[in-house]
N, C-alpha and C. Protein backbone atom coordinates (compact mmCIF):
# COMPACT_ATOMS: atom_id res chain seq x y z
N UNK A 1 8.45 -17.81 13.64
CA UNK A 1 10.09 -17.28 14.66
C UNK A 1 9.66 -15.90 14.64
N UNK A 2 9.26 -15.41 16.08
CA UNK A 2 9.12 -14.16 16.26
C UNK A 2 10.92 -13.63 16.18
N UNK A 3 10.61 -11.91 15.95
CA UNK A 3 11.84 -11.51 16.72
C UNK A 3 12.10 -10.83 17.19
N UNK A 4 13.26 -10.73 17.91
CA UNK A 4 13.34 -10.07 19.19
C UNK A 4 14.02 -9.19 19.02
N UNK A 5 13.84 -7.76 19.90
CA UNK A 5 14.56 -6.59 19.93
C UNK A 5 15.39 -6.46 20.62
N UNK A 6 16.05 -7.62 21.77
CA UNK A 6 16.79 -7.88 22.57
C UNK A 6 17.83 -8.34 21.82
N UNK A 7 19.06 -7.20 22.40
CA UNK A 7 20.29 -7.37 21.69
C UNK A 7 21.21 -9.16 21.49
N UNK A 8 20.93 -9.40 22.85
CA UNK A 8 21.69 -10.66 23.60
C UNK A 8 21.29 -11.81 23.13
N UNK A 9 19.85 -11.60 22.47
CA UNK A 9 19.29 -12.97 21.99
C UNK A 9 20.12 -13.21 20.47
N UNK A 10 20.89 -12.64 20.06
CA UNK A 10 22.02 -13.05 18.93
C UNK A 10 22.91 -14.16 19.56
N UNK A 11 23.47 -13.78 20.42
CA UNK A 11 24.21 -14.74 21.03
C UNK A 11 24.38 -15.84 21.72
N UNK A 12 22.71 -16.41 22.08
CA UNK A 12 22.38 -17.46 23.79
C UNK A 12 23.10 -18.61 22.67
N UNK A 13 23.53 -18.72 21.09
CA UNK A 13 23.31 -20.01 20.93
C UNK A 13 24.70 -20.51 20.78
N UNK A 14 25.65 -19.62 21.27
CA UNK A 14 26.72 -20.20 21.39
C UNK A 14 27.06 -20.37 22.61
N UNK A 15 28.14 -21.50 22.72
CA UNK A 15 28.97 -22.27 24.09
C UNK A 15 29.48 -21.62 24.37
N UNK A 16 29.96 -21.56 26.02
CA UNK A 16 30.50 -20.70 26.51
C UNK A 16 31.82 -20.52 26.58
N UNK A 17 32.52 -21.91 26.05
CA UNK A 17 34.07 -21.56 25.42
C UNK A 17 34.06 -20.98 24.22
N UNK A 18 33.47 -21.02 23.65
CA UNK A 18 33.51 -20.05 22.07
C UNK A 18 33.04 -18.84 22.08
N UNK A 19 33.77 -18.05 21.70
CA UNK A 19 34.09 -16.72 21.84
C UNK A 19 32.80 -16.55 20.76
N UNK A 20 32.06 -14.85 21.32
CA UNK A 20 31.12 -14.36 20.73
C UNK A 20 31.63 -13.66 19.11
N UNK A 21 31.23 -13.80 17.91
CA UNK A 21 32.03 -13.16 16.78
C UNK A 21 32.12 -11.80 17.28
N UNK A 22 32.97 -10.89 16.71
CA UNK A 22 32.97 -9.30 16.79
C UNK A 22 32.56 -8.58 16.01
N UNK A 23 31.97 -7.85 15.62
CA UNK A 23 31.75 -7.10 14.42
C UNK A 23 32.61 -6.37 13.81
N UNK A 24 32.64 -6.31 12.43
CA UNK A 24 33.61 -5.39 11.89
C UNK A 24 33.84 -4.06 12.07
N UNK A 25 32.29 -3.23 12.02
CA UNK A 25 32.83 -1.98 12.62
C UNK A 25 31.63 -1.85 13.63
N UNK A 26 31.72 -0.58 14.35
CA UNK A 26 30.72 -0.68 15.44
C UNK A 26 29.54 -0.40 14.53
N UNK A 27 28.43 -0.73 15.63
CA UNK A 27 26.81 -0.21 14.78
C UNK A 27 26.57 1.09 15.10
N UNK A 28 25.60 1.55 13.95
CA UNK A 28 25.22 2.91 13.99
C UNK A 28 24.26 2.72 14.94
N UNK A 29 24.21 4.39 15.75
CA UNK A 29 24.08 4.42 16.79
C UNK A 29 22.61 4.52 16.29
N UNK A 30 21.89 4.79 15.12
CA UNK A 30 20.52 4.88 14.68
C UNK A 30 19.97 3.54 14.64
N UNK A 31 21.29 2.36 13.94
CA UNK A 31 20.44 1.40 13.99
C UNK A 31 20.62 0.76 15.41
N UNK A 32 21.18 1.00 16.39
CA UNK A 32 21.15 0.03 17.77
C UNK A 32 19.84 -0.15 18.39
N UNK A 33 19.62 -1.23 18.85
CA UNK A 33 18.38 -1.63 18.95
C UNK A 33 18.55 -1.66 20.76
N UNK A 34 19.86 -1.71 20.90
CA UNK A 34 19.19 -1.51 22.64
C UNK A 34 18.04 -0.45 23.35
N UNK A 35 17.81 -1.27 24.02
CA UNK A 35 16.31 0.08 24.75
C UNK A 35 17.43 0.93 25.64
N UNK A 36 17.17 2.10 25.99
CA UNK A 36 17.22 3.12 26.82
C UNK A 36 16.13 3.80 27.38
N UNK A 37 15.71 4.17 28.57
CA UNK A 37 15.56 5.17 29.44
C UNK A 37 15.96 6.56 30.52
N UNK A 38 15.45 7.60 30.19
CA UNK A 38 15.59 8.78 30.70
C UNK A 38 14.42 9.17 31.84
N UNK A 39 14.46 9.90 32.62
CA UNK A 39 13.03 10.49 33.40
C UNK A 39 13.70 11.90 34.14
N UNK A 40 13.22 12.90 33.37
CA UNK A 40 13.51 14.28 34.16
C UNK A 40 12.63 14.57 34.78
N UNK A 41 12.93 14.99 35.90
CA UNK A 41 11.62 15.30 36.97
C UNK A 41 11.57 17.07 36.93
N UNK A 42 10.49 17.84 36.89
CA UNK A 42 10.37 18.92 36.42
C UNK A 42 9.46 19.94 37.37
N UNK A 43 9.95 21.16 37.53
CA UNK A 43 9.28 21.72 38.71
C UNK A 43 7.59 22.51 38.24
N UNK A 44 6.75 22.56 38.72
CA UNK A 44 6.02 23.66 38.05
C UNK A 44 6.02 24.94 37.50
N UNK A 45 6.87 25.07 36.28
CA UNK A 45 7.74 25.94 35.83
C UNK A 45 7.44 26.35 34.40
N UNK A 46 6.90 27.54 33.56
CA UNK A 46 6.76 27.27 31.92
C UNK A 46 8.24 27.45 31.93
N UNK A 47 9.49 27.66 32.51
CA UNK A 47 10.44 27.54 31.58
C UNK A 47 10.58 25.73 31.98
N UNK A 48 10.42 25.12 32.35
CA UNK A 48 10.87 23.41 31.96
C UNK A 48 10.47 23.08 31.10
N UNK A 49 9.76 23.66 30.38
CA UNK A 49 9.05 23.42 28.84
C UNK A 49 10.37 23.52 27.84
N UNK A 50 10.95 24.61 28.30
CA UNK A 50 12.22 24.58 26.92
C UNK A 50 13.39 23.77 27.48
N UNK A 51 13.56 23.86 28.93
CA UNK A 51 14.53 22.53 28.99
C UNK A 51 14.07 20.96 28.90
N UNK A 52 13.08 20.68 28.97
CA UNK A 52 12.59 19.38 28.65
C UNK A 52 12.58 19.27 26.89
N UNK A 53 12.56 20.54 26.15
CA UNK A 53 12.73 20.85 24.42
C UNK A 53 14.09 20.11 24.38
N UNK A 54 15.03 21.10 25.12
CA UNK A 54 16.34 20.80 25.04
C UNK A 54 17.05 19.49 25.36
N UNK A 55 16.71 18.85 26.56
CA UNK A 55 17.03 18.25 26.80
C UNK A 55 16.78 16.81 25.95
N UNK A 56 15.80 16.66 25.44
CA UNK A 56 15.19 15.32 24.69
C UNK A 56 15.52 15.80 23.59
N UNK A 57 16.16 16.63 22.66
CA UNK A 57 17.19 17.36 21.88
C UNK A 57 18.19 16.60 21.97
N UNK A 58 18.87 16.93 22.34
CA UNK A 58 20.56 16.61 23.02
C UNK A 58 20.35 14.69 23.07
N UNK A 59 19.25 14.13 23.70
CA UNK A 59 18.95 12.69 24.45
C UNK A 59 19.08 12.33 22.77
N UNK A 60 18.19 12.59 22.06
CA UNK A 60 17.71 12.13 20.93
C UNK A 60 19.25 11.84 19.50
N UNK A 61 20.00 12.90 20.02
CA UNK A 61 21.17 13.18 18.71
C UNK A 61 22.19 12.12 19.24
N UNK A 62 22.49 11.99 20.63
CA UNK A 62 23.11 11.37 21.58
C UNK A 62 23.06 9.75 21.03
N UNK A 63 21.78 9.62 20.87
CA UNK A 63 21.57 7.77 20.53
C UNK A 63 21.42 7.62 19.01
N UNK A 64 21.67 8.79 17.65
CA UNK A 64 21.75 8.73 16.84
C UNK A 64 20.07 8.52 16.12
N UNK A 65 19.39 9.32 17.02
CA UNK A 65 17.81 9.57 16.47
C UNK A 65 17.61 10.87 16.26
N UNK A 66 18.40 11.82 15.62
CA UNK A 66 18.05 12.99 15.29
C UNK A 66 16.49 13.48 14.52
N UNK A 67 16.37 12.17 13.69
CA UNK A 67 14.99 12.77 12.42
C UNK A 67 14.21 12.28 13.42
N UNK A 68 13.92 12.05 14.47
CA UNK A 68 12.53 11.91 15.21
C UNK A 68 12.57 13.39 16.28
N UNK A 69 13.59 13.98 16.13
CA UNK A 69 13.48 15.01 16.72
C UNK A 69 12.73 16.00 16.63
N UNK A 70 12.22 16.37 15.81
CA UNK A 70 11.14 17.36 15.28
C UNK A 70 9.60 16.84 15.91
N UNK A 71 9.46 15.81 15.52
CA UNK A 71 8.13 15.76 16.04
C UNK A 71 8.33 15.42 17.89
N UNK A 72 8.60 14.40 17.61
CA UNK A 72 9.67 14.34 19.18
C UNK A 72 9.39 15.25 20.04
N UNK A 73 10.10 16.83 19.49
CA UNK A 73 10.13 17.55 20.37
C UNK A 73 8.61 18.84 20.58
N UNK A 74 7.86 18.30 19.32
CA UNK A 74 6.83 19.14 19.23
C UNK A 74 5.57 18.28 20.42
N UNK A 75 5.71 16.69 20.47
CA UNK A 75 4.57 16.61 21.30
C UNK A 75 5.20 16.26 22.49
N UNK A 76 6.36 16.42 22.87
CA UNK A 76 6.87 16.82 24.59
C UNK A 76 6.75 17.52 24.77
N UNK A 77 6.75 18.85 23.95
CA UNK A 77 6.38 20.20 24.16
C UNK A 77 4.99 20.73 25.07
N UNK A 78 4.28 19.99 24.13
CA UNK A 78 2.65 19.83 24.43
C UNK A 78 2.56 19.59 25.70
N UNK A 79 3.03 18.35 25.48
CA UNK A 79 2.58 17.18 26.94
C UNK A 79 2.96 17.61 28.08
N UNK A 80 4.34 18.15 28.21
CA UNK A 80 4.71 18.96 29.20
C UNK A 80 4.59 20.50 28.76
N UNK A 81 3.92 21.37 28.56
CA UNK A 81 3.20 22.54 28.67
C UNK A 81 1.42 22.71 29.55
N UNK A 82 1.02 21.33 29.43
CA UNK A 82 0.03 20.95 29.62
C UNK A 82 0.16 20.69 30.86
N UNK A 83 0.99 19.96 31.63
CA UNK A 83 1.04 19.67 32.82
C UNK A 83 1.18 20.74 33.73
N UNK A 84 2.36 21.40 32.87
CA UNK A 84 2.92 22.26 33.94
C UNK A 84 1.70 24.02 34.25
N UNK A 85 1.13 23.97 32.80
CA UNK A 85 -0.16 24.87 32.55
C UNK A 85 -1.07 24.45 33.58
N UNK A 86 -1.77 23.00 33.85
CA UNK A 86 -2.65 22.82 34.14
C UNK A 86 -2.87 21.67 35.80
N UNK A 87 -1.87 22.38 36.05
CA UNK A 87 -1.82 21.14 37.39
C UNK A 87 -0.88 22.25 38.13
N UNK A 88 -0.99 21.96 39.55
CA UNK A 88 -0.23 22.73 40.63
C UNK A 88 1.09 22.03 41.10
N UNK A 89 1.34 21.07 40.82
CA UNK A 89 2.66 20.10 41.76
C UNK A 89 3.82 20.14 39.97
N UNK A 90 4.67 19.17 40.55
CA UNK A 90 5.32 18.78 40.12
C UNK A 90 5.19 18.14 38.96
N UNK A 91 6.57 17.61 37.91
CA UNK A 91 5.62 16.94 37.01
C UNK A 91 7.46 16.09 36.71
N UNK A 92 7.11 15.29 35.25
CA UNK A 92 7.95 14.16 35.10
C UNK A 92 8.02 14.22 33.45
N UNK A 93 8.80 13.96 32.72
CA UNK A 93 9.12 13.35 31.47
C UNK A 93 10.05 12.48 31.84
N UNK A 94 9.41 11.36 31.05
CA UNK A 94 10.02 10.08 30.99
C UNK A 94 9.86 9.76 29.21
N UNK A 95 11.03 9.19 28.94
CA UNK A 95 11.73 8.54 27.63
C UNK A 95 12.01 7.15 27.80
N UNK A 96 11.42 7.05 26.51
CA UNK A 96 11.63 5.12 26.56
C UNK A 96 11.91 4.38 25.51
N UNK A 97 13.04 4.39 25.03
CA UNK A 97 13.01 3.76 23.49
C UNK A 97 13.60 2.13 23.62
N UNK A 98 12.71 1.66 22.66
CA UNK A 98 12.81 0.08 22.82
C UNK A 98 11.91 -0.39 21.38
N UNK A 99 12.43 -1.23 20.34
CA UNK A 99 12.19 -1.74 19.72
C UNK A 99 11.62 -0.95 18.44
N UNK A 100 12.44 -0.02 18.08
CA UNK A 100 12.45 0.93 17.15
C UNK A 100 11.03 2.14 17.48
N UNK A 101 10.65 2.32 19.05
CA UNK A 101 9.53 3.32 19.33
C UNK A 101 10.07 3.81 20.13
N UNK A 102 9.83 5.38 20.33
CA UNK A 102 10.11 6.13 21.05
C UNK A 102 8.54 6.55 21.77
N UNK A 103 8.88 6.12 23.49
CA UNK A 103 7.42 6.18 23.74
C UNK A 103 7.94 7.12 25.02
N UNK A 104 6.97 8.50 25.04
CA UNK A 104 7.34 10.06 25.55
C UNK A 104 5.92 9.62 26.32
N UNK A 105 6.09 10.33 27.82
CA UNK A 105 5.23 10.21 28.88
C UNK A 105 5.63 10.97 29.89
N UNK A 106 4.31 12.05 30.39
CA UNK A 106 4.44 13.15 31.17
C UNK A 106 3.66 12.80 32.30
N UNK A 107 3.98 12.80 33.56
CA UNK A 107 3.35 12.56 34.73
C UNK A 107 3.10 14.00 35.47
N UNK A 108 1.99 13.89 35.58
CA UNK A 108 1.56 14.97 36.55
C UNK A 108 1.08 14.47 37.94
N UNK A 109 1.24 15.25 39.19
CA UNK A 109 0.25 14.64 40.39
C UNK A 109 -1.43 14.91 40.14
N UNK A 110 -1.96 15.35 39.47
CA UNK A 110 -3.20 15.89 38.91
C UNK A 110 -3.95 14.20 38.26
N UNK A 111 -4.85 13.99 39.35
CA UNK A 111 -5.52 12.79 38.40
C UNK A 111 -6.17 12.74 37.95
N UNK A 112 -6.82 14.19 37.23
CA UNK A 112 -7.63 14.94 36.19
C UNK A 112 -7.73 13.85 34.68
N UNK A 113 -8.43 13.64 34.25
CA UNK A 113 -8.05 13.32 32.71
C UNK A 113 -7.74 14.37 31.87
N UNK A 114 -7.20 14.39 30.94
CA UNK A 114 -6.68 15.52 30.30
C UNK A 114 -8.00 15.57 29.08
N UNK A 115 -8.12 16.48 28.85
CA UNK A 115 -9.16 16.88 27.80
C UNK A 115 -9.01 16.27 26.69
N UNK A 116 -10.11 15.81 26.13
CA UNK A 116 -9.85 14.97 24.76
C UNK A 116 -9.85 16.60 23.98
N UNK A 117 -8.91 15.97 22.58
CA UNK A 117 -8.31 16.90 21.71
C UNK A 117 -10.08 17.51 21.48
N UNK A 118 -9.70 19.20 20.72
CA UNK A 118 -10.65 19.96 20.48
C UNK A 118 -11.10 20.04 18.93
N UNK A 119 -11.90 20.24 18.76
CA UNK A 119 -11.61 20.33 17.04
C UNK A 119 -11.46 21.53 16.71
N UNK A 120 -10.58 22.07 15.46
CA UNK A 120 -10.26 23.31 15.12
C UNK A 120 -10.94 24.50 15.34
N UNK A 121 -10.08 25.34 15.85
CA UNK A 121 -10.91 26.87 16.31
C UNK A 121 -11.21 27.34 15.17
N UNK A 122 -12.35 28.26 15.11
CA UNK A 122 -12.46 28.88 14.29
C UNK A 122 -12.41 30.42 14.48
N UNK A 123 -12.50 30.75 15.35
CA UNK A 123 -12.40 32.02 16.38
C UNK A 123 -10.82 31.76 15.92
N UNK A 124 -9.86 33.15 15.54
CA UNK A 124 -8.78 33.24 15.51
C UNK A 124 -8.00 33.35 17.03
N UNK A 125 -9.24 34.25 17.87
CA UNK A 125 -8.57 34.26 18.96
C UNK A 125 -8.14 33.24 20.03
N UNK A 126 -9.25 31.88 19.85
CA UNK A 126 -9.37 30.74 19.94
C UNK A 126 -8.41 29.63 19.84
N UNK A 127 -7.92 30.28 18.54
CA UNK A 127 -6.98 29.41 17.80
C UNK A 127 -5.66 28.79 18.48
N UNK A 128 -5.04 29.51 19.67
CA UNK A 128 -3.70 29.18 19.47
C UNK A 128 -4.44 28.47 21.22
N UNK A 129 -5.33 28.12 21.78
CA UNK A 129 -5.14 27.60 22.49
C UNK A 129 -7.03 26.19 22.78
N UNK A 130 -6.14 25.25 23.37
CA UNK A 130 -6.94 24.03 23.38
C UNK A 130 -6.40 22.98 22.01
N UNK A 131 -5.69 23.55 21.44
CA UNK A 131 -4.91 22.49 20.21
C UNK A 131 -4.33 21.36 20.63
N UNK A 132 -3.41 21.16 21.77
CA UNK A 132 -2.11 20.41 22.41
C UNK A 132 -1.81 19.36 22.23
N UNK A 133 -3.25 18.52 22.65
CA UNK A 133 -3.53 16.99 22.68
C UNK A 133 -3.96 16.51 21.14
N UNK A 134 -4.71 17.82 20.36
CA UNK A 134 -4.50 17.63 18.65
C UNK A 134 -3.76 17.53 17.97
N UNK A 135 -2.57 18.38 18.57
CA UNK A 135 -1.13 18.05 17.75
C UNK A 135 -0.47 16.79 18.00
N UNK A 136 -0.30 16.52 19.66
CA UNK A 136 -0.03 15.07 20.17
C UNK A 136 -0.57 13.84 18.86
N UNK A 137 -2.18 13.98 18.91
CA UNK A 137 -2.84 13.12 18.25
C UNK A 137 -2.21 12.53 16.40
N UNK A 138 -2.00 14.07 16.21
CA UNK A 138 -1.73 14.02 14.57
C UNK A 138 -0.61 13.83 14.33
N UNK A 139 0.55 14.02 15.67
CA UNK A 139 2.25 13.90 15.42
C UNK A 139 2.56 12.31 15.93
N UNK A 140 1.40 11.70 16.57
CA UNK A 140 2.58 10.59 16.94
C UNK A 140 1.46 9.42 16.59
N UNK A 141 1.73 7.96 16.79
CA UNK A 141 1.65 6.77 15.67
C UNK A 141 0.80 6.25 16.79
N UNK A 142 0.20 7.01 18.63
CA UNK A 142 -0.78 6.28 19.43
C UNK A 142 -0.39 7.54 20.56
N UNK A 143 -1.55 7.76 20.83
CA UNK A 143 -1.28 8.40 22.47
C UNK A 143 -2.75 8.16 23.39
N UNK A 144 -2.14 8.66 24.59
CA UNK A 144 -3.45 7.92 25.36
C UNK A 144 -3.12 8.38 27.25
N UNK A 145 -3.55 8.44 28.08
CA UNK A 145 -3.71 8.31 29.20
C UNK A 145 -3.96 7.86 30.79
N UNK A 146 -3.58 7.29 31.57
CA UNK A 146 -3.78 6.33 32.26
C UNK A 146 -3.27 6.86 33.96
N UNK A 147 -3.74 6.64 34.61
CA UNK A 147 -4.81 6.98 35.84
C UNK A 147 -3.70 6.22 37.21
N UNK A 148 -2.63 7.21 37.90
CA UNK A 148 -2.02 6.20 38.74
C UNK A 148 -3.01 6.23 40.42
N UNK A 149 -2.82 5.19 40.99
CA UNK A 149 -3.39 5.33 42.56
C UNK A 149 -2.29 5.54 42.94
N UNK A 150 -2.92 5.93 44.73
CA UNK A 150 -1.52 6.05 45.41
C UNK A 150 -0.55 5.89 46.01
N UNK A 151 -0.80 4.45 45.45
CA UNK A 151 0.05 3.27 45.95
C UNK A 151 1.32 3.31 44.88
N UNK A 152 1.35 4.48 44.37
CA UNK A 152 2.42 4.07 43.47
C UNK A 152 2.74 5.69 43.38
N UNK A 153 2.53 6.54 43.65
CA UNK A 153 3.56 7.46 44.31
C UNK A 153 3.18 8.35 45.84
N UNK A 154 4.59 8.60 45.79
CA UNK A 154 4.60 9.38 47.55
C UNK A 154 3.65 10.44 47.36
N UNK A 155 2.88 11.14 48.57
CA UNK A 155 1.89 12.11 47.82
C UNK A 155 0.84 12.23 47.39
N UNK A 156 0.65 10.65 46.84
CA UNK A 156 -0.79 11.12 46.23
C UNK A 156 -0.87 10.24 44.92
N UNK A 157 -2.16 10.81 43.74
CA UNK A 157 -2.74 10.42 43.20
C UNK A 157 -1.75 11.07 41.98
N UNK A 158 -1.91 10.29 40.68
CA UNK A 158 -1.55 10.90 39.50
C UNK A 158 -1.88 10.70 38.21
N UNK A 159 -0.99 10.94 37.10
CA UNK A 159 -1.38 10.23 36.10
C UNK A 159 0.04 10.51 34.72
N UNK A 160 -0.67 10.11 33.70
CA UNK A 160 0.40 9.47 32.67
C UNK A 160 0.30 10.37 31.27
N UNK A 161 0.27 11.02 30.52
CA UNK A 161 -0.17 11.08 29.61
C UNK A 161 1.17 10.76 28.76
N UNK A 162 1.01 10.01 27.61
CA UNK A 162 1.74 9.20 26.40
C UNK A 162 1.72 9.95 24.94
N UNK A 163 3.00 9.51 24.38
CA UNK A 163 2.41 9.19 23.14
C UNK A 163 3.93 8.39 22.30
N UNK A 164 3.76 7.42 21.51
CA UNK A 164 4.55 6.94 20.98
C UNK A 164 4.73 7.57 19.48
N UNK A 165 6.66 7.32 19.04
CA UNK A 165 6.47 7.87 17.94
C UNK A 165 7.55 6.39 17.17
N UNK A 166 7.49 5.96 16.00
CA UNK A 166 7.70 4.78 15.91
C UNK A 166 8.77 5.16 14.53
N UNK A 167 10.23 4.55 14.86
CA UNK A 167 11.26 4.82 13.78
C UNK A 167 10.79 4.21 12.32
N UNK A 168 10.73 4.92 11.66
CA UNK A 168 10.25 4.57 9.86
C UNK A 168 11.34 3.43 9.34
N UNK A 169 10.37 2.20 8.98
CA UNK A 169 11.16 0.73 8.63
C UNK A 169 12.34 1.29 7.45
């Protein structure tokens, strides 16, 4: 039998005339399996990086997922900073929680693939640049990107760069 993450599945076997049992106490938000998602549309402005980071922290706290905040804020900051720094148009941060996995996606209008994570720089001057995707790869349970055709977006093509953080079992 496969396990579903849909909380409604627990009560499908009750007849319509029988009331569903009530929990004795409210479930902890951290244990909640109900999926949710948020999208934050952002301008091409470096201040958007800080706004996204703080907003993500508030969302995770509101859903009882504060324990994911440090890693989530780090990878989201890197992805949003890349979108704002390396493209000329608007961007968006999309967050999706389902089945114990937080998926963070950043959309930008530039279809150019992201540069693969670079090996660590030996030169201290270069050590700060080009390490964002390496941080994402090191902190996330998975990451990647996909290209969107012009049929999906008004005004052209674009891409999503995404990563996932799994809640510890």
